[in-house]
C-alpha atoms as a PDB file:
ATOM      1  CA  MET A   1       0.000   0.000   0.000  1.00  0.00           C
ATOM      2  CA  CYS A   2       1.039   3.638  -0.615  1.00  0.00           C
ATOM      3  CA  ALA A   3       3.782   2.139  -2.764  1.00  0.00           C
ATOM      4  CA  GLY A   4       6.110   3.312  -5.509  1.00  0.00           C
ATOM      5  CA  THR A   5       8.748   1.865  -7.786  1.00  0.00           C
ATOM      6  CA  GLU A   6      11.239   1.478  -4.916  1.00  0.00           C
ATOM      7  CA  ASP A   7       8.783  -0.746  -3.064  1.00  0.00           C
ATOM      8  CA  TRP A   8       8.254  -2.878  -6.163  1.00  0.00           C
ATOM      9  CA  GLU A   9      12.002  -3.216  -6.732  1.00  0.00           C
ATOM     10  CA  LEU A  10      12.516  -4.175  -3.078  1.00  0.00           C
ATOM     11  CA  LEU A  11       9.843  -6.886  -3.241  1.00  0.00           C
ATOM     12  CA  CYS A  12      11.397  -8.274  -6.422  1.00  0.00           C
ATOM     13  CA  SER A  13      14.877  -8.289  -4.894  1.00  0.00           C
ATOM     14  CA  LEU A  14      13.519 -10.303  -1.947  1.00  0.00           C
ATOM     15  CA  GLY A  15      12.028 -12.945  -4.224  1.00  0.00           C
ATOM     16  CA  PHE A  16       8.344 -12.039  -4.168  1.00  0.00           C
ATOM     17  CA  ILE A  17       6.833 -13.312  -7.418  1.00  0.00           C
ATOM     18  CA  ASN A  18       3.120 -12.681  -6.806  1.00  0.00           C
ATOM     19  CA  ALA A  19       2.768  -9.154  -5.477  1.00  0.00           C
ATOM     20  CA  VAL A  20       0.629  -6.093  -6.160  1.00  0.00           C
ATOM     21  CA  VAL A  21       1.716  -2.524  -5.443  1.00  0.00           C
ATOM     22  CA  SER A  22      -0.936   0.134  -4.908  1.00  0.00           C
ATOM     23  CA  ASN A  23      -1.155   3.886  -4.561  1.00  0.00           C
ATOM     24  CA  LEU A  24      -3.587   6.734  -5.189  1.00  0.00           C
ATOM     25  CA  ASP A  25      -1.029   8.261  -7.561  1.00  0.00           C
ATOM     26  CA  GLU A  26      -1.416   6.499 -10.911  1.00  0.00           C
ATOM     27  CA  ALA A  27       1.855   7.965 -12.173  1.00  0.00           C
ATOM     28  CA  PHE A  28       3.551   4.811 -10.876  1.00  0.00           C
ATOM     29  CA  ALA A  29       1.328   2.472 -12.925  1.00  0.00           C
ATOM     30  CA  PRO A  30       3.469   2.401 -16.129  1.00  0.00           C
ATOM     31  CA  LEU A  31       6.613   1.740 -14.080  1.00  0.00           C
ATOM     32  CA  VAL A  32       5.654  -1.747 -12.886  1.00  0.00           C
ATOM     33  CA  PRO A  33       4.681  -4.846 -14.923  1.00  0.00           C
ATOM     34  CA  GLU A  34       1.109  -5.232 -16.135  1.00  0.00           C
ATOM     35  CA  GLY A  35      -1.079  -6.789 -13.470  1.00  0.00           C
ATOM     36  CA  ALA A  36       1.223  -5.733 -10.626  1.00  0.00           C
ATOM     37  CA  TRP A  37      -0.372  -2.312 -10.135  1.00  0.00           C
ATOM     38  CA  SER A  38      -3.664  -1.281  -8.528  1.00  0.00           C
ATOM     39  CA  CYS A  39      -5.026   2.197  -7.807  1.00  0.00           C
ATOM     40  CA  GLN A  40      -6.202   1.959  -4.202  1.00  0.00           C
ATOM     41  CA  ASP A  41      -7.197   4.215  -1.330  1.00  0.00           C
ATOM     42  CA  ALA A  42      -5.450   2.684   1.672  1.00  0.00           C
ATOM     43  CA  GLN A  43      -8.394   3.650   3.866  1.00  0.00           C
ATOM     44  CA  SER A  44     -10.933   1.810   1.709  1.00  0.00           C
ATOM     45  CA  LEU A  45      -9.349  -1.082  -0.166  1.00  0.00           C
ATOM     46  CA  SER A  46     -11.461  -2.730  -2.867  1.00  0.00           C
ATOM     47  CA  TYR A  47     -10.207  -6.216  -1.992  1.00  0.00           C
ATOM     48  CA  GLY A  48     -12.185  -8.783  -0.020  1.00  0.00           C
ATOM     49  CA  ASP A  49     -11.223 -10.022   3.423  1.00  0.00           C
ATOM     50  CA  ARG A  50      -8.027 -12.123   3.561  1.00  0.00           C
ATOM     51  CA  SER A  51      -7.131 -11.508  -0.092  1.00  0.00           C
ATOM     52  CA  PHE A  52      -3.339 -11.477   0.454  1.00  0.00           C
ATOM     53  CA  ASP A  53      -0.967 -13.461   2.626  1.00  0.00           C
ATOM     54  CA  TRP A  54       0.925 -10.352   3.726  1.00  0.00           C
ATOM     55  CA  VAL A  55       0.262  -6.632   3.356  1.00  0.00           C
ATOM     56  CA  PHE A  56       3.105  -4.108   3.535  1.00  0.00           C
ATOM     57  CA  VAL A  57       3.346  -0.342   3.899  1.00  0.00           C
ATOM     58  CA  SER A  58       6.383   1.864   4.370  1.00  0.00           C
ATOM     59  CA  GLU A  59       5.863   5.440   5.578  1.00  0.00           C
ATOM     60  CA  GLY A  60       2.434   5.705   4.003  1.00  0.00           C
ATOM     61  CA  LEU A  61      -0.101   5.552   6.833  1.00  0.00           C
ATOM     62  CA  HIS A  62       0.678   9.060   8.044  1.00  0.00           C
ATOM     63  CA  HIS A  63      -0.406  10.416   4.643  1.00  0.00           C
ATOM     64  CA  CYS A  64      -3.932   9.123   5.300  1.00  0.00           C
ATOM     65  CA  ARG A  65      -6.757  11.147   6.758  1.00  0.00           C
ATOM     66  CA  SER A  66      -7.244   8.260   9.220  1.00  0.00           C
ATOM     67  CA  PRO A  67      -4.040   6.260   9.781  1.00  0.00           C
ATOM     68  CA  HIS A  68      -5.905   3.874  12.097  1.00  0.00           C
ATOM     69  CA  ARG A  69      -8.467   3.066   9.424  1.00  0.00           C
ATOM     70  CA  ALA A  70      -5.692   2.343   6.929  1.00  0.00           C
ATOM     71  CA  LEU A  71      -3.983   0.049   9.449  1.00  0.00           C
ATOM     72  CA  VAL A  72      -7.130  -2.033   9.995  1.00  0.00           C
ATOM     73  CA  GLU A  73      -7.750  -2.160   6.240  1.00  0.00           C
ATOM     74  CA  MET A  74      -4.320  -3.784   5.919  1.00  0.00           C
ATOM     75  CA  TYR A  75      -5.279  -6.208   8.669  1.00  0.00           C
ATOM     76  CA  ARG A  76      -8.640  -6.937   7.046  1.00  0.00           C
ATOM     77  CA  VAL A  77      -7.248  -7.993   3.675  1.00  0.00           C
ATOM     78  CA  CYS A  78      -4.346 -10.075   5.037  1.00  0.00           C
ATOM     79  CA  ARG A  79      -4.488 -13.815   5.659  1.00  0.00           C
ATOM     80  CA  VAL A  80      -1.298 -14.107   7.686  1.00  0.00           C
ATOM     81  CA  GLY A  81      -0.191 -10.657   8.761  1.00  0.00           C
ATOM     82  CA  ILE A  82       0.943  -7.113   8.043  1.00  0.00           C
ATOM     83  CA  VAL A  83       4.212  -5.178   8.081  1.00  0.00           C
ATOM     84  CA  ALA A  84       4.102  -1.409   8.596  1.00  0.00           C
ATOM     85  CA  ILE A  85       7.113   0.898   8.908  1.00  0.00           C
ATOM     86  CA  GLU A  86       6.060   4.251  10.324  1.00  0.00           C
ATOM     87  CA  ALA A  87       7.206   7.176  12.459  1.00  0.00           C
ATOM     88  CA  ARG A  88       7.235   6.489  16.202  1.00  0.00           C
ATOM     89  CA  ASP A  89       6.156   8.876  18.952  1.00  0.00           C
ATOM     90  CA  SER A  90       8.424   9.459  21.952  1.00  0.00           C
ATOM     91  CA  SER A  91       9.421  12.189  24.369  1.00  0.00           C
ATOM     92  CA  LEU A  92      12.636  12.744  22.397  1.00  0.00           C
ATOM     93  CA  VAL A  93      10.710  13.172  19.131  1.00  0.00           C
ATOM     94  CA  ARG A  94       8.272  15.605  20.733  1.00  0.00           C
ATOM     95  CA  LEU A  95      11.224  17.627  22.038  1.00  0.00           C
ATOM     96  CA  ALA A  96      12.746  17.664  18.540  1.00  0.00           C
ATOM     97  CA  VAL A  97       9.477  19.005  17.112  1.00  0.00           C
ATOM     98  CA  ARG A  98       9.350  21.775  19.727  1.00  0.00           C
ATOM     99  CA  LEU A  99      12.945  22.738  18.946  1.00  0.00           C
ATOM    100  CA  GLY A 100      12.249  22.827  15.234  1.00  0.00           C
ATOM    101  CA  MET A 101      14.501  19.842  14.513  1.00  0.00           C
ATOM    102  CA  ALA A 102      11.637  17.618  13.379  1.00  0.00           C
ATOM    103  CA  ASP A 103       8.435  18.392  11.512  1.00  0.00           C
ATOM    104  CA  ALA A 104       4.859  18.151  12.718  1.00  0.00           C
ATOM    105  CA  TYR A 105       3.632  18.517   9.124  1.00  0.00           C
ATOM    106  CA  GLU A 106       5.328  16.953   6.100  1.00  0.00           C
ATOM    107  CA  LEU A 107       6.106  19.912   3.889  1.00  0.00           C
ATOM    108  CA  ALA A 108       9.152  18.186   2.393  1.00  0.00           C
ATOM    109  CA  ALA A 109       7.096  15.464   0.657  1.00  0.00           C
ATOM    110  CA  VAL A 110       4.938  18.055  -1.108  1.00  0.00           C
ATOM    111  CA  THR A 111       8.007  20.088  -2.065  1.00  0.00           C
ATOM    112  CA  GLU A 112       9.628  16.998  -3.607  1.00  0.00           C
ATOM    113  CA  GLN A 113       6.457  16.399  -5.674  1.00  0.00           C
ATOM    114  CA  GLY A 114       6.574  19.857  -7.222  1.00  0.00           C
ATOM    115  CA  PHE A 115       3.941  21.250  -4.836  1.00  0.00           C
ATOM    116  CA  GLN A 116       1.276  19.163  -6.608  1.00  0.00           C
ATOM    117  CA  ALA A 117       1.000  15.976  -4.532  1.00  0.00           C
ATOM    118  CA  GLY A 118       2.626  13.967  -1.754  1.00  0.00           C
ATOM    119  CA  GLY A 119       0.517  15.310   1.113  1.00  0.00           C
ATOM    120  CA  LEU A 120      -2.768  14.315   2.734  1.00  0.00           C
ATOM    121  CA  ASP A 121      -4.384  11.601   0.599  1.00  0.00           C
ATOM    122  CA  ASN A 122      -1.782  12.497  -2.050  1.00  0.00           C
ATOM    123  CA  THR A 123      -2.989  16.102  -2.405  1.00  0.00           C
ATOM    124  CA  SER A 124      -0.824  19.233  -2.209  1.00  0.00           C
ATOM    125  CA  VAL A 125      -1.901  19.843   1.415  1.00  0.00           C
ATOM    126  CA  PRO A 126       0.967  18.733   3.702  1.00  0.00           C
ATOM    127  CA  ASN A 127      -0.147  15.935   6.011  1.00  0.00           C
ATOM    128  CA  HIS A 128       0.299  15.827   9.755  1.00  0.00           C
ATOM    129  CA  ILE A 129       3.014  13.291  10.576  1.00  0.00           C
ATOM    130  CA  TYR A 130       1.126  10.806  12.707  1.00  0.00           C
ATOM    131  CA  ARG A 131       3.563   9.036  15.011  1.00  0.00           C
ATOM    132  CA  TRP A 132       2.607   5.702  16.552  1.00  0.00           C
ATOM    133  CA  THR A 133       3.165   4.111  19.937  1.00  0.00           C
ATOM    134  CA  GLU A 134       3.229   0.404  20.698  1.00  0.00           C
ATOM    135  CA  SER A 135       0.018   0.521  22.730  1.00  0.00           C
ATOM    136  CA  GLU A 136      -1.873   2.297  19.936  1.00  0.00           C
ATOM    137  CA  VAL A 137      -1.031  -0.486  17.510  1.00  0.00           C
ATOM    138  CA  ALA A 138      -2.192  -3.204  19.890  1.00  0.00           C
ATOM    139  CA  LYS A 139      -5.402  -1.388  20.877  1.00  0.00           C
ATOM    140  CA  THR A 140      -6.316  -0.656  17.267  1.00  0.00           C
ATOM    141  CA  LEU A 141      -5.924  -4.277  16.137  1.00  0.00           C
ATOM    142  CA  ARG A 142      -7.653  -5.689  19.224  1.00  0.00           C
ATOM    143  CA  SER A 143     -10.592  -3.350  18.651  1.00  0.00           C
ATOM    144  CA  TYR A 144     -10.923  -4.389  15.017  1.00  0.00           C
ATOM    145  CA  ASP A 145     -10.664  -8.127  15.719  1.00  0.00           C
ATOM    146  CA  PRO A 146     -11.598  -9.014  19.323  1.00  0.00           C
ATOM    147  CA  THR A 147     -11.675 -12.759  18.644  1.00  0.00           C
ATOM    148  CA  GLY A 148      -8.057 -13.500  19.583  1.00  0.00           C
ATOM    149  CA  GLU A 149      -4.741 -11.940  20.501  1.00  0.00           C
ATOM    150  CA  PRO A 150      -2.755 -10.623  17.527  1.00  0.00           C
ATOM    151  CA  GLY A 151       0.874 -11.647  17.383  1.00  0.00           C
ATOM    152  CA  ILE A 152       2.730  -8.328  17.421  1.00  0.00           C
ATOM    153  CA  GLU A 153       6.493  -7.935  16.990  1.00  0.00           C
ATOM    154  CA  LEU A 154       8.223  -4.558  16.958  1.00  0.00           C
ATOM    155  CA  ARG A 155      11.518  -3.334  15.540  1.00  0.00           C
ATOM    156  CA  TYR A 156      13.057   0.065  16.174  1.00  0.00           C
ATOM    157  CA  GLY A 157      15.182   2.361  14.052  1.00  0.00           C
ATOM    158  CA  LEU A 158      16.686   5.840  14.085  1.00  0.00           C
ATOM    159  CA  ARG A 159      16.329   8.118  11.079  1.00  0.00           C
ATOM    160  CA  LEU A 160      18.157  11.446  11.028  1.00  0.00           C
ATOM    161  CA  PRO A 161      17.480  14.380   8.654  1.00  0.00           C
ATOM    162  CA  THR A 162      19.520  14.133   5.453  1.00  0.00           C
ATOM    163  CA  ALA A 163      17.302  15.310   2.563  1.00  0.00           C
ATOM    164  CA  GLU A 164      17.853  18.726   1.050  1.00  0.00           C
ATOM    165  CA  ALA A 165      14.293  19.710   1.904  1.00  0.00           C
ATOM    166  CA  THR A 166      15.071  19.464   5.607  1.00  0.00           C
ATOM    167  CA  GLY A 167      17.383  22.478   5.481  1.00  0.00           C
ATOM    168  CA  GLY A 168      21.096  22.876   6.195  1.00  0.00           C
ATOM    169  CA  ARG A 169      20.707  23.676   9.888  1.00  0.00           C
ATOM    170  CA  ARG A 170      18.960  20.394  10.551  1.00  0.00           C
ATOM    171  CA  ARG A 171      21.472  18.360   8.559  1.00  0.00           C
ATOM    172  CA  VAL A 172      24.396  19.900  10.435  1.00  0.00           C
ATOM    173  CA  ALA A 173      22.689  19.419  13.801  1.00  0.00           C
ATOM    174  CA  GLY A 174      21.873  15.837  12.828  1.00  0.00           C
ATOM    175  CA  ARG A 175      25.499  15.063  11.984  1.00  0.00           C
ATOM    176  CA  ILE A 176      26.705  16.593  15.257  1.00  0.00           C
ATOM    177  CA  ALA A 177      24.126  14.780  17.360  1.00  0.00           C
ATOM    178  CA  LYS A 178      24.306  11.489  15.456  1.00  0.00           C
ATOM    179  CA  PRO A 179      26.789   9.635  17.751  1.00  0.00           C
ATOM    180  CA  ALA A 180      24.884  10.601  20.902  1.00  0.00           C
ATOM    181  CA  LEU A 181      21.507   9.771  19.375  1.00  0.00           C
ATOM    182  CA  ARG A 182      22.794   6.409  18.121  1.00  0.00           C
ATOM    183  CA  ALA A 183      24.052   5.549  21.592  1.00  0.00           C
ATOM    184  CA  LEU A 184      20.870   6.748  23.283  1.00  0.00           C
ATOM    185  CA  SER A 185      18.575   4.839  20.916  1.00  0.00           C
ATOM    186  CA  THR A 186      20.661   1.686  21.301  1.00  0.00           C
ATOM    187  CA  VAL A 187      20.198   1.701  25.066  1.00  0.00           C
ATOM    188  CA  PHE A 188      16.673   3.147  25.088  1.00  0.00           C
ATOM    189  CA  LYS A 189      14.934   1.581  22.096  1.00  0.00           C
ATOM    190  CA  ARG A 190      11.711   3.452  22.740  1.00  0.00           C
ATOM    191  CA  GLN A 191      13.423   6.760  22.010  1.00  0.00           C
ATOM    192  CA  CYS A 192      13.904   5.738  18.364  1.00  0.00           C
ATOM    193  CA  ASN A 193      11.861   7.640  15.805  1.00  0.00           C
ATOM    194  CA  GLN A 194      11.082   4.721  13.488  1.00  0.00           C
ATOM    195  CA  LEU A 195       8.817   1.767  14.300  1.00  0.00           C
ATOM    196  CA  ALA A 196       8.421  -1.428  12.285  1.00  0.00           C
ATOM    197  CA  ILE A 197       5.199  -3.245  13.127  1.00  0.00           C
ATOM    198  CA  ILE A 198       4.844  -6.945  12.328  1.00  0.00           C
ATOM    199  CA  ALA A 199       1.357  -8.122  13.269  1.00  0.00           C
ATOM    200  CA  ARG A 200       0.012 -11.621  12.634  1.00  0.00           C
ATOM    201  CA  ARG A 201      -3.614 -12.657  12.825  1.00  0.00           C
ATOM    202  CA  PRO A 202      -4.660 -14.588  15.949  1.00  0.00           C
ATOM    203  CA  THR A 203      -3.921 -18.310  15.845  1.00  0.00           C
ATOM    204  CA  GLU A 204      -6.585 -19.224  18.419  1.00  0.00           C
ATOM    205  CA  LEU A 205      -9.763 -17.772  19.886  1.00  0.00           C
ATOM    206  CA  TYR A 206     -10.002 -16.173  23.295  1.00  0.00           C
ATOM    207  CA  PRO A 207     -11.261 -18.747  25.844  1.00  0.00           C
ATOM    208  CA  TRP A 208     -14.672 -17.029  26.132  1.00  0.00           C
ATOM    209  CA  LEU A 209     -15.344 -17.670  22.445  1.00  0.00           C
ATOM    210  CA  HIS A 210     -15.884 -20.786  20.367  1.00  0.00           C
ATOM    211  CA  MET A 211     -16.736 -21.681  16.781  1.00  0.00           C
ATOM    212  CA  VAL A 212     -20.271 -22.770  15.925  1.00  0.00           C
ATOM    213  CA  GLU A 213     -20.943 -23.810  12.318  1.00  0.00           C
ATOM    214  CA  GLY A 214     -18.180 -21.563  11.063  1.00  0.00           C
ATOM    215  CA  GLU A 215     -19.214 -18.551  13.143  1.00  0.00           C
ATOM    216  CA  VAL A 216     -17.435 -17.169  16.195  1.00  0.00           C
ATOM    217  CA  GLN A 217     -19.786 -16.938  19.164  1.00  0.00           C
ATOM    218  CA  PHE A 218     -19.649 -16.463  22.902  1.00  0.00           C
ATOM    219  CA  ASN A 219     -19.000 -19.734  24.732  1.00  0.00           C
ATOM    220  CA  PRO A 220     -21.728 -20.169  27.370  1.00  0.00           C
ATOM    221  CA  SER A 221     -19.619 -22.755  29.216  1.00  0.00           C
ATOM    222  CA  TYR A 222     -16.792 -20.273  29.791  1.00  0.00           C
ATOM    223  CA  ARG A 223     -15.952 -19.557  33.405  1.00  0.00           C
ATOM    224  CA  PRO A 224     -13.470 -16.791  34.301  1.00  0.00           C
END
C-alpha cells in the first residue's frame, strides 16, 4: 500500500513473485509490470477479506486522513499478517518538534512532488506526521478483531534528517548529534523515531469464544 517503484524493486529483490503494489497516484502504474499495479485508497481497499498473505506499507499511513483506518484495512485484507514501517512517537521526538529539529507537518514530501502531490491523501496539502506508539497499535488491532490476541512484533530504528528539503541547519545538527543519538537509541529503544510493526492474525480464539458452524460466538460454558 502507498507504494512506488522502490517498493516494487525491493519486493522483487527479496524474491516475491506474486505481489501487487498500490497507490492513489497512478503515475507509478506504467513503471511496474502489467497486473502488478492497482489504484487503491489505503483507507478503503477494494479487496475482499483475507485476499493477500501479507500486506506491507512503508511510511504511508501518516499520509492518510485516518491512519488507524488504513492500518485495519491492511489487517482486514491479510491472511497471515501485516508489516508497517512508520514514524514512532516518543518524548525525544516531541522535544525535537518543539525545537524545530523535526516536523509536525510533512512539507518536504509536497516540495519533492513539485507542490502538486505527496501530502494528505496524495494532495498538495501537507499531512500531519502521525507518530505511533506500541500501545496504539495493539489497541487498534484488538478493537478491530476481538476474537483473539494478535501476534505483534516490533523493531526500532533511528532516522536522522539528510534530505535537502530538511534544510542545512537540521542536517548539520543531525550530523553533530548522530553519535549521541545512536548511543541513546541503542540503550533506550523506545526513544527511536522509526517503528516497524509486524502483526500476525490470531492463531486461536479467546477462551470465552468458540466456533459454531463456522461462526465465532460467545462460549456459554466459559468460566473466568
